[in-house]
Every structure is written in structure tokens, then in C-alpha cells.
């Protein structure tokens, strides 16, 4: 397809788990562990904002255009 750039494979393994909170009515905590399989870099992330930040950092380091251009 013309106009689509091939940046190779950028695979992330994400493991989520749900933990009940110790404070009643505080909702649940959904931490995750994410690994960038291309480099082996991994991180525990406490929320979706940090998950997206990690993925953005990995893609930026790999030379993939900024998120606004990836859409």
C-alpha cells in the first residue's frame, strides 16, 4: 500500500492483574507489567498513562515518528 511506512515489528507483551484495594470503596488497582520484545526493556506500570508513556518512549527510541504522526 502506497504511503504506509514499514517500521518493522514492535511487539509489546503486557500483563494486567486486578488487585483489590485495602481501603473500602476505593475501587480496584490495575497494575501491569510491560515488556518491549525488540529490546527486552520492561517496566511495571501502575496505570494506563504510564503504559502509553513507556510504549511511546520505546517507539521514539526506535525512530518511529511521534505519536501524532503514527495515527
N, C-alpha and C. Protein backbone atom coordinates (compact mmCIF):
# COMPACT_ATOMS: atom_id res chain seq x y z
N UNK A 1 0.84 -1.18 0.00
CA UNK A 1 0.00 0.00 0.00
C UNK A 1 0.89 1.24 0.00
N UNK A 2 0.64 2.10 -0.91
CA UNK A 2 1.44 3.30 -1.03
C UNK A 2 1.18 4.24 0.14
N UNK A 3 2.25 4.84 0.65
CA UNK A 3 2.11 5.81 1.73
C UNK A 3 2.21 5.22 3.12
N UNK A 4 2.23 3.91 3.22
CA UNK A 4 2.36 3.29 4.55
C UNK A 4 3.82 2.90 4.75
N UNK A 5 4.41 3.40 5.83
CA UNK A 5 5.80 3.10 6.12
C UNK A 5 5.90 1.82 6.92
N UNK A 6 6.89 1.00 6.61
CA UNK A 6 7.11 -0.24 7.34
C UNK A 6 8.25 -0.01 8.32
N UNK A 7 7.93 0.02 9.59
CA UNK A 7 8.94 0.22 10.62
C UNK A 7 9.35 -1.10 11.25
N UNK A 8 8.96 -2.22 10.68
CA UNK A 8 9.27 -3.50 11.27
C UNK A 8 8.30 -3.80 12.41
N UNK A 9 8.61 -4.83 13.10
CA UNK A 9 7.74 -5.28 14.17
C UNK A 9 8.13 -4.63 15.50
N UNK A 10 7.17 -4.08 16.17
CA UNK A 10 7.35 -3.50 17.50
C UNK A 10 6.32 -4.17 18.40
N UNK A 11 6.73 -5.23 19.05
CA UNK A 11 5.81 -6.05 19.83
C UNK A 11 6.01 -5.79 21.32
N UNK A 12 4.90 -5.60 22.01
CA UNK A 12 4.90 -5.39 23.45
C UNK A 12 4.08 -6.48 24.10
N UNK A 13 4.61 -7.03 25.17
CA UNK A 13 3.89 -8.02 25.96
C UNK A 13 3.40 -7.30 27.21
N UNK A 14 2.09 -7.30 27.42
CA UNK A 14 1.50 -6.58 28.55
C UNK A 14 0.73 -7.57 29.41
N UNK A 15 1.06 -7.59 30.69
CA UNK A 15 0.36 -8.45 31.65
C UNK A 15 -0.38 -7.55 32.63
N UNK A 16 -1.69 -7.72 32.72
CA UNK A 16 -2.52 -6.97 33.66
C UNK A 16 -2.97 -7.89 34.77
N UNK A 17 -3.16 -7.35 35.94
CA UNK A 17 -3.81 -8.07 37.01
C UNK A 17 -4.59 -7.08 37.85
N UNK A 18 -5.64 -7.57 38.44
CA UNK A 18 -6.52 -6.72 39.25
C UNK A 18 -6.29 -7.06 40.71
N UNK A 19 -6.05 -6.02 41.50
CA UNK A 19 -5.83 -6.21 42.93
C UNK A 19 -6.87 -5.41 43.70
N UNK A 20 -7.52 -6.04 44.66
CA UNK A 20 -8.45 -5.26 45.49
C UNK A 20 -7.67 -4.25 46.34
N UNK A 21 -8.29 -3.13 46.61
CA UNK A 21 -7.65 -2.10 47.42
C UNK A 21 -7.93 -2.38 48.89
N UNK A 22 -7.01 -1.96 49.75
CA UNK A 22 -7.19 -2.15 51.19
C UNK A 22 -8.20 -1.18 51.76
N UNK A 23 -8.40 -0.06 51.09
CA UNK A 23 -9.35 0.94 51.55
C UNK A 23 -10.72 0.62 50.96
N UNK A 24 -11.70 0.48 51.82
CA UNK A 24 -13.04 0.13 51.38
C UNK A 24 -13.58 1.20 50.43
N UNK A 25 -14.26 0.78 49.38
CA UNK A 25 -14.85 1.65 48.36
C UNK A 25 -13.82 2.45 47.56
N UNK A 26 -12.57 2.03 47.57
CA UNK A 26 -11.54 2.75 46.83
C UNK A 26 -11.41 2.24 45.39
N UNK A 27 -12.19 1.24 45.03
CA UNK A 27 -12.08 0.69 43.69
C UNK A 27 -10.95 -0.32 43.63
N UNK A 28 -10.60 -0.70 42.44
CA UNK A 28 -9.53 -1.69 42.28
C UNK A 28 -8.32 -1.03 41.65
N UNK A 29 -7.19 -1.61 41.91
CA UNK A 29 -5.93 -1.17 41.32
C UNK A 29 -5.61 -2.13 40.19
N UNK A 30 -5.28 -1.60 39.03
CA UNK A 30 -4.96 -2.46 37.90
C UNK A 30 -3.55 -2.18 37.42
N UNK A 31 -2.56 -2.73 38.11
CA UNK A 31 -1.20 -2.55 37.65
C UNK A 31 -0.90 -3.45 36.46
N UNK A 32 0.19 -3.19 35.80
CA UNK A 32 0.58 -4.01 34.66
C UNK A 32 2.10 -4.08 34.60
N UNK A 33 2.55 -5.07 33.86
CA UNK A 33 3.98 -5.19 33.55
C UNK A 33 4.06 -5.23 32.03
N UNK A 34 4.90 -4.39 31.46
CA UNK A 34 5.01 -4.32 30.00
C UNK A 34 6.46 -4.57 29.61
N UNK A 35 6.63 -5.33 28.53
CA UNK A 35 7.96 -5.62 28.01
C UNK A 35 7.98 -5.33 26.51
N UNK A 36 9.01 -4.62 26.08
CA UNK A 36 9.23 -4.35 24.66
C UNK A 36 10.09 -5.50 24.16
N UNK A 37 9.51 -6.39 23.37
CA UNK A 37 10.19 -7.62 23.00
C UNK A 37 11.39 -7.39 22.09
N UNK A 38 11.43 -6.29 21.39
CA UNK A 38 12.56 -6.00 20.49
C UNK A 38 13.85 -5.80 21.29
N UNK A 39 13.75 -5.12 22.46
CA UNK A 39 14.95 -4.80 23.23
C UNK A 39 15.03 -5.54 24.56
N UNK A 40 13.92 -6.08 25.01
CA UNK A 40 13.89 -6.74 26.31
C UNK A 40 13.66 -5.78 27.46
N UNK A 41 13.57 -4.48 27.16
CA UNK A 41 13.31 -3.50 28.22
C UNK A 41 11.91 -3.73 28.78
N UNK A 42 11.79 -3.65 30.09
CA UNK A 42 10.48 -3.86 30.70
C UNK A 42 10.30 -2.92 31.88
N UNK A 43 9.05 -2.79 32.29
CA UNK A 43 8.72 -1.87 33.36
C UNK A 43 7.38 -2.27 33.98
N UNK A 44 7.28 -2.08 35.29
CA UNK A 44 5.98 -2.17 35.96
C UNK A 44 5.31 -0.82 35.80
N UNK A 45 4.07 -0.81 35.41
CA UNK A 45 3.33 0.44 35.22
C UNK A 45 2.06 0.40 36.06
N UNK A 46 1.82 1.46 36.83
CA UNK A 46 0.68 1.47 37.73
C UNK A 46 -0.65 1.83 37.06
N UNK A 47 -0.58 2.43 35.87
CA UNK A 47 -1.83 2.85 35.22
C UNK A 47 -1.62 2.98 33.71
N UNK A 48 -2.70 3.25 33.00
CA UNK A 48 -2.66 3.31 31.54
C UNK A 48 -1.80 4.47 31.04
N UNK A 49 -1.77 5.57 31.77
CA UNK A 49 -0.95 6.71 31.36
C UNK A 49 0.51 6.31 31.29
N UNK A 50 0.99 5.62 32.32
CA UNK A 50 2.39 5.18 32.32
C UNK A 50 2.64 4.10 31.28
N UNK A 51 1.66 3.27 31.01
CA UNK A 51 1.79 2.25 29.97
C UNK A 51 2.00 2.91 28.61
N UNK A 52 1.16 3.87 28.28
CA UNK A 52 1.27 4.57 27.00
C UNK A 52 2.59 5.33 26.93
N UNK A 53 3.00 5.93 28.04
CA UNK A 53 4.28 6.67 28.08
C UNK A 53 5.44 5.73 27.76
N UNK A 54 5.44 4.55 28.36
CA UNK A 54 6.51 3.57 28.12
C UNK A 54 6.54 3.17 26.64
N UNK A 55 5.39 2.87 26.06
CA UNK A 55 5.33 2.48 24.66
C UNK A 55 5.82 3.62 23.77
N UNK A 56 5.38 4.84 24.06
CA UNK A 56 5.84 6.00 23.29
C UNK A 56 7.35 6.15 23.36
N UNK A 57 7.92 6.00 24.56
CA UNK A 57 9.37 6.13 24.73
C UNK A 57 10.12 5.08 23.91
N UNK A 58 9.62 3.85 23.93
CA UNK A 58 10.28 2.78 23.17
C UNK A 58 10.20 3.04 21.67
N UNK A 59 9.04 3.46 21.19
CA UNK A 59 8.89 3.73 19.76
C UNK A 59 9.71 4.94 19.34
N UNK A 60 9.76 5.96 20.19
CA UNK A 60 10.60 7.13 19.88
C UNK A 60 12.07 6.71 19.77
N UNK A 61 12.54 5.90 20.72
CA UNK A 61 13.93 5.45 20.71
C UNK A 61 14.24 4.59 19.48
N UNK A 62 13.22 3.90 18.96
CA UNK A 62 13.40 3.06 17.78
C UNK A 62 13.31 3.87 16.49
N UNK A 63 13.04 5.17 16.61
CA UNK A 63 12.97 6.02 15.43
C UNK A 63 11.63 6.06 14.73
N UNK A 64 10.61 5.54 15.39
CA UNK A 64 9.26 5.60 14.83
C UNK A 64 8.76 7.03 15.02
N UNK A 65 8.10 7.63 14.01
CA UNK A 65 7.63 9.01 14.15
C UNK A 65 6.79 9.22 15.41
N UNK A 66 6.69 10.46 15.82
CA UNK A 66 5.93 10.83 17.02
C UNK A 66 4.50 10.31 16.93
N UNK A 67 3.91 10.13 18.11
CA UNK A 67 2.57 9.52 18.19
C UNK A 67 1.57 10.22 17.27
N UNK A 68 1.61 11.55 17.20
CA UNK A 68 0.67 12.27 16.36
C UNK A 68 0.79 11.84 14.90
N UNK A 69 1.98 11.46 14.48
CA UNK A 69 2.21 11.03 13.11
C UNK A 69 1.92 9.56 12.89
N UNK A 70 1.86 8.78 13.98
CA UNK A 70 1.61 7.33 13.86
C UNK A 70 0.15 7.02 13.66
N UNK A 71 -0.71 7.97 13.93
CA UNK A 71 -2.16 7.71 13.84
C UNK A 71 -2.64 7.66 12.43
